[in-house]
Amino acid sequence: MKKFLFIFLSCLLFQQLTAQTIVKFDNGNNIIYKNLQGKTIVKNKKYTIAFTDTISSIGFVGTRKGEIVCINNAGKELFEVYKIDNGPDYVSDGLFRIVGKNSKIGFADTCGAIVIPPVFSYATPFHNGEAKVSFGGKNEKQGEYQSWKSNLWFLIKKSK
């Protein structure tokens, strides 16, 4: 009986996981996502580019305003994502940078959970469990490149 129950629950869980996967379709100038049963989940005229073709948990889309936002597999916008190289920030040590409504930088994980709230003026990606952050400073542009200048930097550690 326990074996049957385990198999039944495993199949039920697998069905729920696959039902929550959504896939991108181009609809002219708009991006839409449909679930595996063909039901439209995301039909929003403000998304112009999809950085993620298939979304099991989270994905990244570009808006007409030029922002990159993170959406979940139900189509809900979670937060704005830090832009780098004309796309969303890269995942490093399991985290990527996000931008708060206050234009500050924080970090989220690949499940869409905000791990470190957006409180920093600038933050580097995590590397070997550490990121360099600043509460002040300014962005200096040099041609097509830019860098953040600050007199005071801190190292933060990723909690395990």
C-alpha atoms as a PDB file:
ATOM      1  CA  MET A   1       0.000   0.000   0.000  1.00  0.00           C
ATOM      2  CA  LYS A   2       2.821   2.424   0.856  1.00  0.00           C
ATOM      3  CA  LYS A   3       4.488   1.687  -2.464  1.00  0.00           C
ATOM      4  CA  PHE A   4       1.252   2.390  -4.359  1.00  0.00           C
ATOM      5  CA  LEU A   5       0.725   5.626  -2.435  1.00  0.00           C
ATOM      6  CA  PHE A   6       4.294   6.739  -3.172  1.00  0.00           C
ATOM      7  CA  ILE A   7       3.902   6.061  -6.909  1.00  0.00           C
ATOM      8  CA  PHE A   8       0.508   7.785  -6.995  1.00  0.00           C
ATOM      9  CA  LEU A   9       1.823  10.897  -5.212  1.00  0.00           C
ATOM     10  CA  SER A  10       4.914  10.983  -7.443  1.00  0.00           C
ATOM     11  CA  CYS A  11       2.744  10.886 -10.571  1.00  0.00           C
ATOM     12  CA  LEU A  12       0.471  13.572  -9.154  1.00  0.00           C
ATOM     13  CA  LEU A  13       3.450  15.797  -8.357  1.00  0.00           C
ATOM     14  CA  PHE A  14       4.934  15.252 -11.835  1.00  0.00           C
ATOM     15  CA  GLN A  15       1.591  16.173 -13.425  1.00  0.00           C
ATOM     16  CA  GLN A  16       1.426  19.377 -11.369  1.00  0.00           C
ATOM     17  CA  LEU A  17       4.993  20.320 -12.281  1.00  0.00           C
ATOM     18  CA  THR A  18       4.487  19.779 -15.998  1.00  0.00           C
ATOM     19  CA  ALA A  19       1.168  21.644 -15.890  1.00  0.00           C
ATOM     20  CA  GLN A  20       3.044  24.630 -14.495  1.00  0.00           C
ATOM     21  CA  THR A  21       5.540  24.812 -17.356  1.00  0.00           C
ATOM     22  CA  ILE A  22       4.804  27.562 -19.871  1.00  0.00           C
ATOM     23  CA  VAL A  23       6.266  28.025 -23.350  1.00  0.00           C
ATOM     24  CA  LYS A  24       6.846  31.223 -25.367  1.00  0.00           C
ATOM     25  CA  PHE A  25       5.036  31.987 -28.618  1.00  0.00           C
ATOM     26  CA  ASP A  26       5.670  35.058 -30.763  1.00  0.00           C
ATOM     27  CA  ASN A  27       2.455  36.819 -31.693  1.00  0.00           C
ATOM     28  CA  GLY A  28       3.674  39.582 -34.008  1.00  0.00           C
ATOM     29  CA  ASN A  29       5.088  42.308 -31.776  1.00  0.00           C
ATOM     30  CA  ASN A  30       3.801  40.715 -28.574  1.00  0.00           C
ATOM     31  CA  ILE A  31       5.067  37.825 -26.487  1.00  0.00           C
ATOM     32  CA  ILE A  32       2.649  35.241 -25.138  1.00  0.00           C
ATOM     33  CA  TYR A  33       3.219  32.144 -23.019  1.00  0.00           C
ATOM     34  CA  LYS A  34       1.008  29.059 -23.068  1.00  0.00           C
ATOM     35  CA  ASN A  35       0.976  26.072 -20.749  1.00  0.00           C
ATOM     36  CA  LEU A  36       1.506  22.536 -22.041  1.00  0.00           C
ATOM     37  CA  GLN A  37      -2.247  22.121 -22.464  1.00  0.00           C
ATOM     38  CA  GLY A  38      -2.357  25.120 -24.847  1.00  0.00           C
ATOM     39  CA  LYS A  39      -4.026  27.592 -22.465  1.00  0.00           C
ATOM     40  CA  THR A  40      -2.662  31.142 -22.719  1.00  0.00           C
ATOM     41  CA  ILE A  41      -1.090  32.118 -19.390  1.00  0.00           C
ATOM     42  CA  VAL A  42       0.679  35.364 -20.352  1.00  0.00           C
ATOM     43  CA  LYS A  43      -0.927  37.609 -22.953  1.00  0.00           C
ATOM     44  CA  ASN A  44       0.438  41.019 -22.228  1.00  0.00           C
ATOM     45  CA  LYS A  45       1.038  43.667 -24.871  1.00  0.00           C
ATOM     46  CA  LYS A  46       3.770  45.320 -22.819  1.00  0.00           C
ATOM     47  CA  TYR A  47       6.285  42.463 -23.293  1.00  0.00           C
ATOM     48  CA  THR A  48       8.295  42.833 -26.493  1.00  0.00           C
ATOM     49  CA  ILE A  49      11.099  40.333 -25.985  1.00  0.00           C
ATOM     50  CA  ALA A  50      11.423  37.036 -24.166  1.00  0.00           C
ATOM     51  CA  PHE A  51      14.789  36.087 -22.722  1.00  0.00           C
ATOM     52  CA  THR A  52      13.365  32.725 -21.570  1.00  0.00           C
ATOM     53  CA  ASP A  53      11.636  30.336 -23.986  1.00  0.00           C
ATOM     54  CA  THR A  54      10.343  27.803 -21.458  1.00  0.00           C
ATOM     55  CA  ILE A  55       9.430  28.744 -17.882  1.00  0.00           C
ATOM     56  CA  SER A  56       9.183  26.065 -15.201  1.00  0.00           C
ATOM     57  CA  SER A  57       9.610  28.439 -12.268  1.00  0.00           C
ATOM     58  CA  ILE A  58      10.772  31.909 -13.435  1.00  0.00           C
ATOM     59  CA  GLY A  59      11.673  33.641 -16.677  1.00  0.00           C
ATOM     60  CA  PHE A  60      12.741  37.031 -17.977  1.00  0.00           C
ATOM     61  CA  VAL A  61      10.878  39.317 -20.389  1.00  0.00           C
ATOM     62  CA  GLY A  62      11.541  42.804 -21.743  1.00  0.00           C
ATOM     63  CA  THR A  63       8.937  45.559 -21.547  1.00  0.00           C
ATOM     64  CA  ARG A  64       8.173  48.395 -23.954  1.00  0.00           C
ATOM     65  CA  LYS A  65       9.707  50.736 -21.334  1.00  0.00           C
ATOM     66  CA  GLY A  66      13.049  48.942 -21.745  1.00  0.00           C
ATOM     67  CA  GLU A  67      12.942  47.184 -18.383  1.00  0.00           C
ATOM     68  CA  ILE A  68      13.609  43.496 -17.867  1.00  0.00           C
ATOM     69  CA  VAL A  69      11.195  41.872 -15.442  1.00  0.00           C
ATOM     70  CA  CYS A  70      11.066  38.453 -13.842  1.00  0.00           C
ATOM     71  CA  ILE A  71       7.789  36.567 -14.192  1.00  0.00           C
ATOM     72  CA  ASN A  72       6.735  33.281 -12.652  1.00  0.00           C
ATOM     73  CA  ASN A  73       5.071  30.351 -14.406  1.00  0.00           C
ATOM     74  CA  ALA A  74       1.641  31.848 -13.617  1.00  0.00           C
ATOM     75  CA  GLY A  75       2.582  35.042 -15.474  1.00  0.00           C
ATOM     76  CA  LYS A  76       2.891  37.207 -12.351  1.00  0.00           C
ATOM     77  CA  GLU A  77       5.551  39.929 -12.403  1.00  0.00           C
ATOM     78  CA  LEU A  78       7.881  39.463  -9.450  1.00  0.00           C
ATOM     79  CA  PHE A  79      10.469  42.256  -9.755  1.00  0.00           C
ATOM     80  CA  GLU A  80      12.716  44.153 -12.156  1.00  0.00           C
ATOM     81  CA  VAL A  81      15.988  42.436 -13.079  1.00  0.00           C
ATOM     82  CA  TYR A  82      19.350  44.213 -13.297  1.00  0.00           C
ATOM     83  CA  LYS A  83      20.377  44.654 -16.945  1.00  0.00           C
ATOM     84  CA  ILE A  84      23.791  43.658 -18.239  1.00  0.00           C
ATOM     85  CA  ASP A  85      24.975  43.248 -21.837  1.00  0.00           C
ATOM     86  CA  ASN A  86      21.458  44.111 -23.148  1.00  0.00           C
ATOM     87  CA  GLY A  87      19.907  41.235 -21.224  1.00  0.00           C
ATOM     88  CA  PRO A  88      19.112  40.049 -17.707  1.00  0.00           C
ATOM     89  CA  ASP A  89      21.855  39.710 -15.118  1.00  0.00           C
ATOM     90  CA  TYR A  90      23.706  36.406 -15.125  1.00  0.00           C
ATOM     91  CA  VAL A  91      23.119  33.864 -12.375  1.00  0.00           C
ATOM     92  CA  SER A  92      26.237  33.564 -10.239  1.00  0.00           C
ATOM     93  CA  ASP A  93      26.443  31.374  -7.128  1.00  0.00           C
ATOM     94  CA  GLY A  94      22.708  30.712  -7.557  1.00  0.00           C
ATOM     95  CA  LEU A  95      21.744  34.403  -7.342  1.00  0.00           C
ATOM     96  CA  PHE A  96      21.189  37.300  -9.738  1.00  0.00           C
ATOM     97  CA  ARG A  97      20.817  41.032  -9.170  1.00  0.00           C
ATOM     98  CA  ILE A  98      17.440  42.754  -9.056  1.00  0.00           C
ATOM     99  CA  VAL A  99      16.390  46.405  -9.042  1.00  0.00           C
ATOM    100  CA  GLY A 100      13.913  47.712  -6.478  1.00  0.00           C
ATOM    101  CA  LYS A 101      11.343  50.464  -6.942  1.00  0.00           C
ATOM    102  CA  ASN A 102      13.894  52.723  -5.224  1.00  0.00           C
ATOM    103  CA  SER A 103      16.469  51.942  -7.997  1.00  0.00           C
ATOM    104  CA  LYS A 104      18.576  50.093  -5.417  1.00  0.00           C
ATOM    105  CA  ILE A 105      20.107  46.673  -6.062  1.00  0.00           C
ATOM    106  CA  GLY A 106      19.402  43.403  -4.262  1.00  0.00           C
ATOM    107  CA  PHE A 107      19.578  39.680  -5.053  1.00  0.00           C
ATOM    108  CA  ALA A 108      17.081  36.940  -5.916  1.00  0.00           C
ATOM    109  CA  ASP A 109      17.461  33.201  -6.413  1.00  0.00           C
ATOM    110  CA  THR A 110      16.470  31.059  -9.386  1.00  0.00           C
ATOM    111  CA  CYS A 111      13.120  30.226  -7.761  1.00  0.00           C
ATOM    112  CA  GLY A 112      12.145  33.909  -7.753  1.00  0.00           C
ATOM    113  CA  ALA A 113      12.619  34.520  -4.030  1.00  0.00           C
ATOM    114  CA  ILE A 114      14.235  37.790  -2.975  1.00  0.00           C
ATOM    115  CA  VAL A 115      17.211  36.672  -0.879  1.00  0.00           C
ATOM    116  CA  ILE A 116      18.726  40.113  -0.199  1.00  0.00           C
ATOM    117  CA  PRO A 117      16.346  43.100  -0.477  1.00  0.00           C
ATOM    118  CA  PRO A 118      17.314  45.981  -2.804  1.00  0.00           C
ATOM    119  CA  VAL A 119      19.222  48.349  -0.485  1.00  0.00           C
ATOM    120  CA  PHE A 120      22.558  48.868  -2.276  1.00  0.00           C
ATOM    121  CA  SER A 121      23.499  51.644  -4.698  1.00  0.00           C
ATOM    122  CA  TYR A 122      25.635  49.085  -6.513  1.00  0.00           C
ATOM    123  CA  ALA A 123      26.523  45.420  -6.090  1.00  0.00           C
ATOM    124  CA  THR A 124      28.763  43.047  -8.004  1.00  0.00           C
ATOM    125  CA  PRO A 125      27.575  39.490  -8.690  1.00  0.00           C
ATOM    126  CA  PHE A 126      28.353  36.879  -6.044  1.00  0.00           C
ATOM    127  CA  HIS A 127      31.553  34.926  -6.632  1.00  0.00           C
ATOM    128  CA  ASN A 128      32.686  32.169  -4.263  1.00  0.00           C
ATOM    129  CA  GLY A 129      29.995  33.233  -1.811  1.00  0.00           C
ATOM    130  CA  GLU A 130      30.890  36.947  -1.680  1.00  0.00           C
ATOM    131  CA  ALA A 131      29.720  40.135  -3.399  1.00  0.00           C
ATOM    132  CA  LYS A 132      31.132  43.641  -3.266  1.00  0.00           C
ATOM    133  CA  VAL A 133      28.474  46.282  -2.443  1.00  0.00           C
ATOM    134  CA  SER A 134      28.256  50.031  -1.949  1.00  0.00           C
ATOM    135  CA  PHE A 135      25.658  52.312  -0.370  1.00  0.00           C
ATOM    136  CA  GLY A 136      26.850  55.353  -2.330  1.00  0.00           C
ATOM    137  CA  GLY A 137      28.905  56.480  -5.289  1.00  0.00           C
ATOM    138  CA  LYS A 138      28.152  57.259  -8.894  1.00  0.00           C
ATOM    139  CA  ASN A 139      28.017  55.654 -12.295  1.00  0.00           C
ATOM    140  CA  GLU A 140      30.813  56.836 -14.607  1.00  0.00           C
ATOM    141  CA  LYS A 141      30.465  56.290 -18.344  1.00  0.00           C
ATOM    142  CA  GLN A 142      33.497  55.888 -20.588  1.00  0.00           C
ATOM    143  CA  GLY A 143      32.235  55.589 -24.152  1.00  0.00           C
ATOM    144  CA  GLU A 144      29.948  52.584 -24.348  1.00  0.00           C
ATOM    145  CA  TYR A 145      31.282  51.219 -21.044  1.00  0.00           C
ATOM    146  CA  GLN A 146      30.402  52.236 -17.528  1.00  0.00           C
ATOM    147  CA  SER A 147      31.699  51.558 -14.046  1.00  0.00           C
ATOM    148  CA  TRP A 148      30.573  52.340 -10.521  1.00  0.00           C
ATOM    149  CA  LYS A 149      32.860  54.587  -8.480  1.00  0.00           C
ATOM    150  CA  SER A 150      32.595  54.676  -4.696  1.00  0.00           C
ATOM    151  CA  ASN A 151      34.918  55.540  -1.828  1.00  0.00           C
ATOM    152  CA  LEU A 152      33.417  52.908   0.458  1.00  0.00           C
ATOM    153  CA  TRP A 153      32.859  49.245  -0.449  1.00  0.00           C
ATOM    154  CA  PHE A 154      31.753  46.296   1.685  1.00  0.00           C
ATOM    155  CA  LEU A 155      31.924  42.538   1.206  1.00  0.00           C
ATOM    156  CA  ILE A 156      28.761  40.607   1.934  1.00  0.00           C
ATOM    157  CA  LYS A 157      28.604  36.843   2.257  1.00  0.00           C
ATOM    158  CA  LYS A 158      25.953  34.573   0.866  1.00  0.00           C
ATOM    159  CA  SER A 159      24.180  32.645   3.598  1.00  0.00           C
ATOM    160  CA  LYS A 160      24.119  28.893   3.130  1.00  0.00           C
END
